[in-house]
C-alpha atoms as a PDB file:
ATOM      1  CA  UNK A   1      43.820 143.961  71.317  1.00  0.00           C
ATOM      2  CA  UNK A   2      42.948 145.035  74.827  1.00  0.00           C
ATOM      3  CA  UNK A   3      39.686 142.982  74.996  1.00  0.00           C
ATOM      4  CA  UNK A   4      41.533 139.963  73.626  1.00  0.00           C
ATOM      5  CA  UNK A   5      44.276 140.396  76.210  1.00  0.00           C
ATOM      6  CA  UNK A   6      41.735 140.604  79.041  1.00  0.00           C
ATOM      7  CA  UNK A   7      39.880 137.574  77.682  1.00  0.00           C
ATOM      8  CA  UNK A   8      43.066 135.503  77.558  1.00  0.00           C
ATOM      9  CA  UNK A   9      44.033 136.674  81.036  1.00  0.00           C
ATOM     10  CA  UNK A  10      40.617 135.711  82.424  1.00  0.00           C
ATOM     11  CA  UNK A  11      40.833 132.331  80.718  1.00  0.00           C
ATOM     12  CA  UNK A  12      44.279 131.747  82.168  1.00  0.00           C
ATOM     13  CA  UNK A  13      43.151 132.710  85.653  1.00  0.00           C
ATOM     14  CA  UNK A  14      40.096 130.446  85.379  1.00  0.00           C
ATOM     15  CA  UNK A  15      42.266 127.522  84.228  1.00  0.00           C
ATOM     16  CA  UNK A  16      44.699 128.143  87.077  1.00  0.00           C
ATOM     17  CA  UNK A  17      41.875 128.190  89.611  1.00  0.00           C
ATOM     18  CA  UNK A  18      40.422 125.021  88.078  1.00  0.00           C
ATOM     19  CA  UNK A  19      43.740 123.182  88.308  1.00  0.00           C
ATOM     20  CA  UNK A  20      44.340 124.497  91.812  1.00  0.00           C
ATOM     21  CA  UNK A  21      40.953 123.182  92.905  1.00  0.00           C
ATOM     22  CA  UNK A  22      41.748 119.711  91.573  1.00  0.00           C
ATOM     23  CA  UNK A  23      45.157 119.831  93.241  1.00  0.00           C
ATOM     24  CA  UNK A  24      43.555 120.610  96.592  1.00  0.00           C
ATOM     25  CA  UNK A  25      41.211 117.636  96.155  1.00  0.00           C
ATOM     26  CA  UNK A  26      44.179 115.360  95.456  1.00  0.00           C
ATOM     27  CA  UNK A  27      46.051 116.837  98.419  1.00  0.00           C
ATOM     28  CA  UNK A  28      43.104 116.286 100.746  1.00  0.00           C
ATOM     29  CA  UNK A  29      42.777 112.713  99.506  1.00  0.00           C
ATOM     30  CA  UNK A  30      46.465 112.101 100.236  1.00  0.00           C
ATOM     31  CA  UNK A  31      46.098 113.541 103.741  1.00  0.00           C
ATOM     32  CA  UNK A  32      43.063 111.384 104.458  1.00  0.00           C
ATOM     33  CA  UNK A  33      44.859 108.304 103.128  1.00  0.00           C
ATOM     34  CA  UNK A  34      47.759 109.003 105.481  1.00  0.00           C
ATOM     35  CA  UNK A  35      45.327 109.421 108.373  1.00  0.00           C
ATOM     36  CA  UNK A  36      43.507 106.219 107.410  1.00  0.00           C
ATOM     37  CA  UNK A  37      46.783 104.307 107.529  1.00  0.00           C
ATOM     38  CA  UNK A  38      47.765 105.804 110.879  1.00  0.00           C
ATOM     39  CA  UNK A  39      46.991 103.566 113.893  1.00  0.00           C
ATOM     40  CA  UNK A  40      46.264 106.642 116.015  1.00  0.00           C
ATOM     41  CA  UNK A  41      43.143 107.279 113.928  1.00  0.00           C
ATOM     42  CA  UNK A  42      41.595 104.107 115.344  1.00  0.00           C
ATOM     43  CA  UNK A  43      41.683 104.913 119.033  1.00  0.00           C
ATOM     44  CA  UNK A  44      38.521 104.302 121.028  1.00  0.00           C
ATOM     45  CA  UNK A  45      36.875 107.603 120.116  1.00  0.00           C
ATOM     46  CA  UNK A  46      37.939 107.347 116.471  1.00  0.00           C
ATOM     47  CA  UNK A  47      36.544 103.817 116.163  1.00  0.00           C
ATOM     48  CA  UNK A  48      33.220 104.850 117.649  1.00  0.00           C
ATOM     49  CA  UNK A  49      32.916 107.829 115.329  1.00  0.00           C
ATOM     50  CA  UNK A  50      33.868 105.745 112.302  1.00  0.00           C
ATOM     51  CA  UNK A  51      31.447 102.926 113.076  1.00  0.00           C
ATOM     52  CA  UNK A  52      28.642 105.375 113.835  1.00  0.00           C
ATOM     53  CA  UNK A  53      29.034 107.172 110.506  1.00  0.00           C
ATOM     54  CA  UNK A  54      29.309 103.910 108.586  1.00  0.00           C
ATOM     55  CA  UNK A  55      26.181 102.515 110.206  1.00  0.00           C
ATOM     56  CA  UNK A  56      24.093 105.672 109.797  1.00  0.00           C
ATOM     57  CA  UNK A  57      25.194 106.070 106.187  1.00  0.00           C
ATOM     58  CA  UNK A  58      24.631 102.493 105.046  1.00  0.00           C
ATOM     59  CA  UNK A  59      22.243 100.504 107.228  1.00  0.00           C
ATOM     60  CA  UNK A  60      19.055 102.599 106.815  1.00  0.00           C
ATOM     61  CA  UNK A  61      19.400 102.765 103.020  1.00  0.00           C
ATOM     62  CA  UNK A  62      20.528  99.224 102.292  1.00  0.00           C
ATOM     63  CA  UNK A  63      17.165  97.351 102.618  1.00  0.00           C
ATOM     64  CA  UNK A  64      15.027  99.610 100.467  1.00  0.00           C
ATOM     65  CA  UNK A  65      17.829 100.191  97.964  1.00  0.00           C
ATOM     66  CA  UNK A  66      18.013  96.406  97.589  1.00  0.00           C
ATOM     67  CA  UNK A  67      14.248  96.298  96.999  1.00  0.00           C
ATOM     68  CA  UNK A  68      14.542  99.081  94.431  1.00  0.00           C
ATOM     69  CA  UNK A  69      17.403  97.244  92.713  1.00  0.00           C
ATOM     70  CA  UNK A  70      15.322  94.063  92.605  1.00  0.00           C
ATOM     71  CA  UNK A  71      12.396  95.818  90.927  1.00  0.00           C
ATOM     72  CA  UNK A  72      14.594  97.591  88.399  1.00  0.00           C
ATOM     73  CA  UNK A  73      16.492  94.373  87.666  1.00  0.00           C
ATOM     74  CA  UNK A  74      13.255  92.493  87.053  1.00  0.00           C
ATOM     75  CA  UNK A  75      12.057  95.124  84.596  1.00  0.00           C
ATOM     76  CA  UNK A  76      15.334  95.413  82.699  1.00  0.00           C
ATOM     77  CA  UNK A  77      15.930  91.671  82.579  1.00  0.00           C
ATOM     78  CA  UNK A  78      12.413  91.076  81.270  1.00  0.00           C
ATOM     79  CA  UNK A  79      12.882  93.714  78.572  1.00  0.00           C
ATOM     80  CA  UNK A  80      16.212  92.221  77.475  1.00  0.00           C
ATOM     81  CA  UNK A  81      14.888  88.652  77.457  1.00  0.00           C
ATOM     82  CA  UNK A  82      11.774  89.501  75.453  1.00  0.00           C
ATOM     83  CA  UNK A  83      13.740  91.625  72.971  1.00  0.00           C
ATOM     84  CA  UNK A  84      16.414  88.963  72.491  1.00  0.00           C
ATOM     85  CA  UNK A  85      13.774  86.273  71.996  1.00  0.00           C
ATOM     86  CA  UNK A  86      11.924  88.337  69.382  1.00  0.00           C
ATOM     87  CA  UNK A  87      15.128  88.699  67.348  1.00  0.00           C
ATOM     88  CA  UNK A  88      16.187  85.077  67.764  1.00  0.00           C
ATOM     89  CA  UNK A  89      19.130  85.962  69.993  1.00  0.00           C
ATOM     90  CA  UNK A  90      17.995  84.270  73.181  1.00  0.00           C
ATOM     91  CA  UNK A  91      21.367  82.524  73.573  1.00  0.00           C
ATOM     92  CA  UNK A  92      22.972  85.951  74.105  1.00  0.00           C
ATOM     93  CA  UNK A  93      20.309  87.365  76.425  1.00  0.00           C
ATOM     94  CA  UNK A  94      21.881  86.312  79.709  1.00  0.00           C
ATOM     95  CA  UNK A  95      25.318  87.602  78.748  1.00  0.00           C
ATOM     96  CA  UNK A  96      23.754  90.890  77.685  1.00  0.00           C
ATOM     97  CA  UNK A  97      21.958  91.158  81.022  1.00  0.00           C
ATOM     98  CA  UNK A  98      25.167  90.592  82.962  1.00  0.00           C
ATOM     99  CA  UNK A  99      27.135  93.083  80.884  1.00  0.00           C
ATOM    100  CA  UNK A 100      24.562  95.865  80.865  1.00  0.00           C
ATOM    101  CA  UNK A 101      23.076  95.491  84.322  1.00  0.00           C
ATOM    102  CA  UNK A 102      25.905  94.246  86.514  1.00  0.00           C
ATOM    103  CA  UNK A 103      28.954  95.669  84.768  1.00  0.00           C
ATOM    104  CA  UNK A 104      27.599  99.108  83.943  1.00  0.00           C
ATOM    105  CA  UNK A 105      24.311 100.179  85.526  1.00  0.00           C
ATOM    106  CA  UNK A 106      24.610  98.877  89.079  1.00  0.00           C
ATOM    107  CA  UNK A 107      28.010 100.424  89.961  1.00  0.00           C
ATOM    108  CA  UNK A 108      26.919 103.770  88.543  1.00  0.00           C
ATOM    109  CA  UNK A 109      23.553 103.697  90.325  1.00  0.00           C
ATOM    110  CA  UNK A 110      25.106 102.677  93.635  1.00  0.00           C
ATOM    111  CA  UNK A 111      27.703 105.445  93.435  1.00  0.00           C
ATOM    112  CA  UNK A 112      25.154 108.156  92.638  1.00  0.00           C
ATOM    113  CA  UNK A 113      22.820 106.927  95.348  1.00  0.00           C
ATOM    114  CA  UNK A 114      25.653 106.915  97.908  1.00  0.00           C
ATOM    115  CA  UNK A 115      26.523 110.475  96.917  1.00  0.00           C
ATOM    116  CA  UNK A 116      22.952 111.670  97.409  1.00  0.00           C
ATOM    117  CA  UNK A 117      22.369 109.552 100.507  1.00  0.00           C
ATOM    118  CA  UNK A 118      25.458 110.414 102.543  1.00  0.00           C
ATOM    119  CA  UNK A 119      28.240 112.340 100.755  1.00  0.00           C
ATOM    120  CA  UNK A 120      26.376 115.577 100.068  1.00  0.00           C
ATOM    121  CA  UNK A 121      24.681 115.609 103.504  1.00  0.00           C
ATOM    122  CA  UNK A 122      28.120 115.039 105.046  1.00  0.00           C
ATOM    123  CA  UNK A 123      29.503 117.919 102.997  1.00  0.00           C
ATOM    124  CA  UNK A 124      26.667 120.147 104.212  1.00  0.00           C
ATOM    125  CA  UNK A 125      27.453 119.176 107.809  1.00  0.00           C
ATOM    126  CA  UNK A 126      31.100 120.112 107.315  1.00  0.00           C
ATOM    127  CA  UNK A 127      30.102 123.451 105.765  1.00  0.00           C
ATOM    128  CA  UNK A 128      27.825 124.304 108.686  1.00  0.00           C
ATOM    129  CA  UNK A 129      30.494 123.222 111.175  1.00  0.00           C
ATOM    130  CA  UNK A 130      33.070 125.522 109.587  1.00  0.00           C
ATOM    131  CA  UNK A 131      30.673 128.442 109.276  1.00  0.00           C
ATOM    132  CA  UNK A 132      29.636 128.201 112.916  1.00  0.00           C
ATOM    133  CA  UNK A 133      33.213 128.042 114.202  1.00  0.00           C
ATOM    134  CA  UNK A 134      33.261 124.386 115.160  1.00  0.00           C
ATOM    135  CA  UNK A 135      36.245 123.721 112.916  1.00  0.00           C
ATOM    136  CA  UNK A 136      38.367 126.306 114.737  1.00  0.00           C
ATOM    137  CA  UNK A 137      37.131 124.988 118.083  1.00  0.00           C
ATOM    138  CA  UNK A 138      38.563 121.544 117.280  1.00  0.00           C
ATOM    139  CA  UNK A 139      41.889 123.149 116.372  1.00  0.00           C
ATOM    140  CA  UNK A 140      41.991 125.257 119.520  1.00  0.00           C
ATOM    141  CA  UNK A 141      41.309 122.142 121.557  1.00  0.00           C
ATOM    142  CA  UNK A 142      44.361 120.438 120.087  1.00  0.00           C
ATOM    143  CA  UNK A 143      42.371 117.988 117.932  1.00  0.00           C
ATOM    144  CA  UNK A 144      42.799 117.362 114.219  1.00  0.00           C
ATOM    145  CA  UNK A 145      39.529 118.295 112.519  1.00  0.00           C
ATOM    146  CA  UNK A 146      40.401 116.206 109.468  1.00  0.00           C
ATOM    147  CA  UNK A 147      40.854 113.134 111.643  1.00  0.00           C
ATOM    148  CA  UNK A 148      37.805 113.745 113.805  1.00  0.00           C
ATOM    149  CA  UNK A 149      35.246 115.137 111.358  1.00  0.00           C
ATOM    150  CA  UNK A 150      36.313 114.459 107.772  1.00  0.00           C
ATOM    151  CA  UNK A 151      37.927 111.018 107.799  1.00  0.00           C
ATOM    152  CA  UNK A 152      34.910 109.167 109.299  1.00  0.00           C
ATOM    153  CA  UNK A 153      32.529 110.814 106.834  1.00  0.00           C
ATOM    154  CA  UNK A 154      34.668 110.071 103.783  1.00  0.00           C
ATOM    155  CA  UNK A 155      35.234 106.485 104.931  1.00  0.00           C
ATOM    156  CA  UNK A 156      31.494 106.086 105.467  1.00  0.00           C
ATOM    157  CA  UNK A 157      30.780 107.375 101.966  1.00  0.00           C
ATOM    158  CA  UNK A 158      33.247 104.942 100.402  1.00  0.00           C
ATOM    159  CA  UNK A 159      31.864 102.036 102.433  1.00  0.00           C
ATOM    160  CA  UNK A 160      28.281 102.950 101.524  1.00  0.00           C
ATOM    161  CA  UNK A 161      29.054 102.989  97.795  1.00  0.00           C
ATOM    162  CA  UNK A 162      30.945  99.680  97.956  1.00  0.00           C
ATOM    163  CA  UNK A 163      28.302  97.943 100.057  1.00  0.00           C
ATOM    164  CA  UNK A 164      25.397  99.106  97.894  1.00  0.00           C
ATOM    165  CA  UNK A 165      27.205  97.971  94.758  1.00  0.00           C
ATOM    166  CA  UNK A 166      28.114  94.572  96.218  1.00  0.00           C
ATOM    167  CA  UNK A 167      24.620  93.807  97.526  1.00  0.00           C
ATOM    168  CA  UNK A 168      22.988  95.050  94.313  1.00  0.00           C
ATOM    169  CA  UNK A 169      25.238  92.828  92.183  1.00  0.00           C
ATOM    170  CA  UNK A 170      24.302  89.765  94.237  1.00  0.00           C
ATOM    171  CA  UNK A 171      20.617  90.655  93.948  1.00  0.00           C
ATOM    172  CA  UNK A 172      20.936  91.149  90.183  1.00  0.00           C
ATOM    173  CA  UNK A 173      22.687  87.780  89.755  1.00  0.00           C
ATOM    174  CA  UNK A 174      19.955  85.995  91.697  1.00  0.00           C
ATOM    175  CA  UNK A 175      17.149  87.774  89.843  1.00  0.00           C
ATOM    176  CA  UNK A 176      18.778  87.028  86.490  1.00  0.00           C
ATOM    177  CA  UNK A 177      19.054  83.328  87.263  1.00  0.00           C
ATOM    178  CA  UNK A 178      15.465  83.079  88.454  1.00  0.00           C
ATOM    179  CA  UNK A 179      14.217  84.998  85.425  1.00  0.00           C
ATOM    180  CA  UNK A 180      15.965  82.681  82.984  1.00  0.00           C
ATOM    181  CA  UNK A 181      15.921  79.262  84.699  1.00  0.00           C
ATOM    182  CA  UNK A 182      13.320  79.637  87.419  1.00  0.00           C
ATOM    183  CA  UNK A 183      13.764  77.554  90.566  1.00  0.00           C
ATOM    184  CA  UNK A 184      15.371  74.655  88.698  1.00  0.00           C
ATOM    185  CA  UNK A 185      18.943  73.839  89.637  1.00  0.00           C
ATOM    186  CA  UNK A 186      19.694  72.373  86.221  1.00  0.00           C
ATOM    187  CA  UNK A 187      20.722  75.741  84.780  1.00  0.00           C
ATOM    188  CA  UNK A 188      23.329  76.499  87.405  1.00  0.00           C
ATOM    189  CA  UNK A 189      26.256  75.104  85.391  1.00  0.00           C
ATOM    190  CA  UNK A 190      25.313  77.005  82.231  1.00  0.00           C
ATOM    191  CA  UNK A 191      24.646  80.146  84.254  1.00  0.00           C
ATOM    192  CA  UNK A 192      27.998  80.097  86.033  1.00  0.00           C
ATOM    193  CA  UNK A 193      29.706  79.378  82.721  1.00  0.00           C
ATOM    194  CA  UNK A 194      28.117  82.484  81.168  1.00  0.00           C
ATOM    195  CA  UNK A 195      28.960  84.675  84.154  1.00  0.00           C
ATOM    196  CA  UNK A 196      32.511  83.338  84.213  1.00  0.00           C
ATOM    197  CA  UNK A 197      32.843  84.045  80.495  1.00  0.00           C
ATOM    198  CA  UNK A 198      31.853  87.673  81.078  1.00  0.00           C
ATOM    199  CA  UNK A 199      33.915  88.130  84.233  1.00  0.00           C
ATOM    200  CA  UNK A 200      37.291  87.069  82.935  1.00  0.00           C
ATOM    201  CA  UNK A 201      40.320  88.238  84.971  1.00  0.00           C
ATOM    202  CA  UNK A 202      40.747  91.514  83.067  1.00  0.00           C
ATOM    203  CA  UNK A 203      37.067  92.459  83.285  1.00  0.00           C
ATOM    204  CA  UNK A 204      36.938  91.493  86.967  1.00  0.00           C
ATOM    205  CA  UNK A 205      39.921  93.720  87.733  1.00  0.00           C
ATOM    206  CA  UNK A 206      38.456  96.665  85.823  1.00  0.00           C
ATOM    207  CA  UNK A 207      35.066  96.132  87.477  1.00  0.00           C
ATOM    208  CA  UNK A 208      36.596  96.084  90.966  1.00  0.00           C
ATOM    209  CA  UNK A 209      38.708  99.170  90.318  1.00  0.00           C
ATOM    210  CA  UNK A 210      35.713 101.018  88.889  1.00  0.00           C
ATOM    211  CA  UNK A 211      33.615 100.378  91.991  1.00  0.00           C
ATOM    212  CA  UNK A 212      36.462 101.455  94.281  1.00  0.00           C
ATOM    213  CA  UNK A 213      37.189 104.630  92.313  1.00  0.00           C
ATOM    214  CA  UNK A 214      33.478 105.438  92.140  1.00  0.00           C
ATOM    215  CA  UNK A 215      33.292 105.139  95.919  1.00  0.00           C
ATOM    216  CA  UNK A 216      36.329 107.354  96.466  1.00  0.00           C
ATOM    217  CA  UNK A 217      35.077 109.971  94.021  1.00  0.00           C
ATOM    218  CA  UNK A 218      31.564 110.306  95.447  1.00  0.00           C
ATOM    219  CA  UNK A 219      32.831 110.312  99.036  1.00  0.00           C
ATOM    220  CA  UNK A 220      35.782 112.678  98.667  1.00  0.00           C
ATOM    221  CA  UNK A 221      34.904 115.301  96.057  1.00  0.00           C
ATOM    222  CA  UNK A 222      31.758 116.842  97.661  1.00  0.00           C
ATOM    223  CA  UNK A 223      33.515 117.287 101.013  1.00  0.00           C
ATOM    224  CA  UNK A 224      36.714 118.542  99.384  1.00  0.00           C
ATOM    225  CA  UNK A 225      34.743 121.116  97.406  1.00  0.00           C
ATOM    226  CA  UNK A 226      33.104 122.393 100.575  1.00  0.00           C
ATOM    227  CA  UNK A 227      36.462 122.665 102.321  1.00  0.00           C
ATOM    228  CA  UNK A 228      37.922 124.525  99.340  1.00  0.00           C
ATOM    229  CA  UNK A 229      36.446 127.903 100.279  1.00  0.00           C
ATOM    230  CA  UNK A 230      36.093 130.357 103.098  1.00  0.00           C
ATOM    231  CA  UNK A 231      33.629 129.178 105.787  1.00  0.00           C
ATOM    232  CA  UNK A 232      30.660 131.433 105.006  1.00  0.00           C
ATOM    233  CA  UNK A 233      27.111 130.210 104.946  1.00  0.00           C
ATOM    234  CA  UNK A 234      26.118 132.274 101.949  1.00  0.00           C
ATOM    235  CA  UNK A 235      28.331 130.415  99.452  1.00  0.00           C
ATOM    236  CA  UNK A 236      27.500 126.873 100.453  1.00  0.00           C
ATOM    237  CA  UNK A 237      25.224 126.186  97.492  1.00  0.00           C
ATOM    238  CA  UNK A 238      27.882 127.186  94.974  1.00  0.00           C
ATOM    239  CA  UNK A 239      30.390 124.928  96.713  1.00  0.00           C
ATOM    240  CA  UNK A 240      27.966 122.006  96.574  1.00  0.00           C
ATOM    241  CA  UNK A 241      27.235 122.688  92.912  1.00  0.00           C
ATOM    242  CA  UNK A 242      30.953 122.817  92.190  1.00  0.00           C
ATOM    243  CA  UNK A 243      31.405 119.499  93.956  1.00  0.00           C
ATOM    244  CA  UNK A 244      28.528 117.981  91.987  1.00  0.00           C
ATOM    245  CA  UNK A 245      30.044 119.021  88.655  1.00  0.00           C
ATOM    246  CA  UNK A 246      33.474 117.744  89.613  1.00  0.00           C
ATOM    247  CA  UNK A 247      32.035 114.470  90.814  1.00  0.00           C
ATOM    248  CA  UNK A 248      30.094 113.918  87.594  1.00  0.00           C
ATOM    249  CA  UNK A 249      33.202 114.699  85.552  1.00  0.00           C
ATOM    250  CA  UNK A 250      35.267 112.106  87.406  1.00  0.00           C
ATOM    251  CA  UNK A 251      32.454 109.535  87.167  1.00  0.00           C
ATOM    252  CA  UNK A 252      32.246 110.053  83.401  1.00  0.00           C
ATOM    253  CA  UNK A 253      36.020 109.672  83.080  1.00  0.00           C
ATOM    254  CA  UNK A 254      36.041 106.478  85.163  1.00  0.00           C
ATOM    255  CA  UNK A 255      33.132 105.016  83.219  1.00  0.00           C
ATOM    256  CA  UNK A 256      34.740 105.871  79.883  1.00  0.00           C
ATOM    257  CA  UNK A 257      38.025 104.298  80.980  1.00  0.00           C
ATOM    258  CA  UNK A 258      36.235 101.124  82.070  1.00  0.00           C
ATOM    259  CA  UNK A 259      34.389 100.888  78.736  1.00  0.00           C
ATOM    260  CA  UNK A 260      37.661 101.261  76.870  1.00  0.00           C
ATOM    261  CA  UNK A 261      39.288  98.603  79.033  1.00  0.00           C
ATOM    262  CA  UNK A 262      36.380  96.164  78.678  1.00  0.00           C
ATOM    263  CA  UNK A 263      35.577  96.458  75.003  1.00  0.00           C
ATOM    264  CA  UNK A 264      38.711  97.639  73.185  1.00  0.00           C
END
């Protein structure tokens, strides 16, 4: 009975630590939301820091991510069109392209790219700052480290994910139209009718919420996981890995919820 008792105790402690970690993420998100709604966060220095992080996180990646999205969209759209034509289902090809590419693949790809492009580097910066004593230096100077260091980085991560998703969706819509109708304007009415049929009010709401929640998840969880430990350089990799696993779990949950809402 003693090994069983120790096993149950270890399981209980692990579950408690797991729940406590998620609670700290939620708590940090609530603090950052309060700071984001506070006018004092947008003083001159705060605005400069916010705009700098947003620009450095989004602008360099946006052009070549758009090119990459265009190439991938061309390949996937061509595959779907040829497959649908071979099975005599060409009338459903465009709707299938919109549902698979725009509704599902692009938001997920944009969120993962934003996480790799800015969220995890931002988390590494925060970890180094804490380990080198910069976090305590802000506190000793009377400044709020969450307002100065964390809020601009999280906001930049959310903006990067939203912007990449929005631009990629526009690119995919344009590529889909050109692939099906070419440069002729005669297919515009049928095309907008098909897109409008897919994006009914319920699907549009779920799609918008999914993109927003993806952006919040990939921007907040890596930084929160880094902050949820003692500031030592040796454990940074485990904190990043923990943030990666948590982020993937939330992304899977959001994606599953959106699929249920769209198709059931």
